[in-house]
Amino acid sequence: MTETAGDLAIAAAICSRN
């Protein structure tokens, strides 16, 4: 994966809010 765990966590948080 080119994305870090932090990036995935942020993306998941954004998707959860939307």
C-alpha atoms as a PDB file:
ATOM      1  CA  MET A   1       0.000   0.000   0.000  1.00  0.00           C
ATOM      2  CA  THR A   2       1.218   3.493  -0.810  1.00  0.00           C
ATOM      3  CA  GLU A   3      -1.114   4.967   1.782  1.00  0.00           C
ATOM      4  CA  THR A   4      -0.198   5.062   5.446  1.00  0.00           C
ATOM      5  CA  ALA A   5      -2.421   3.849   8.281  1.00  0.00           C
ATOM      6  CA  GLY A   6      -3.058   7.479   9.192  1.00  0.00           C
ATOM      7  CA  ASP A   7      -4.275   8.319   5.686  1.00  0.00           C
ATOM      8  CA  LEU A   8      -6.621   5.331   5.698  1.00  0.00           C
ATOM      9  CA  ALA A   9      -7.968   6.314   9.117  1.00  0.00           C
ATOM     10  CA  ILE A  10      -8.635   9.861   7.916  1.00  0.00           C
ATOM     11  CA  ALA A  11     -10.362   8.617   4.771  1.00  0.00           C
ATOM     12  CA  ALA A  12     -12.512   6.241   6.821  1.00  0.00           C
ATOM     13  CA  ALA A  13     -13.498   9.053   9.193  1.00  0.00           C
ATOM     14  CA  ILE A  14     -14.527  11.285   6.286  1.00  0.00           C
ATOM     15  CA  CYS A  15     -16.580   8.525   4.667  1.00  0.00           C
ATOM     16  CA  SER A  16     -18.257   7.763   7.987  1.00  0.00           C
ATOM     17  CA  ARG A  17     -19.300  11.398   8.435  1.00  0.00           C
ATOM     18  CA  ASN A  18     -20.743  11.535   4.939  1.00  0.00           C
END
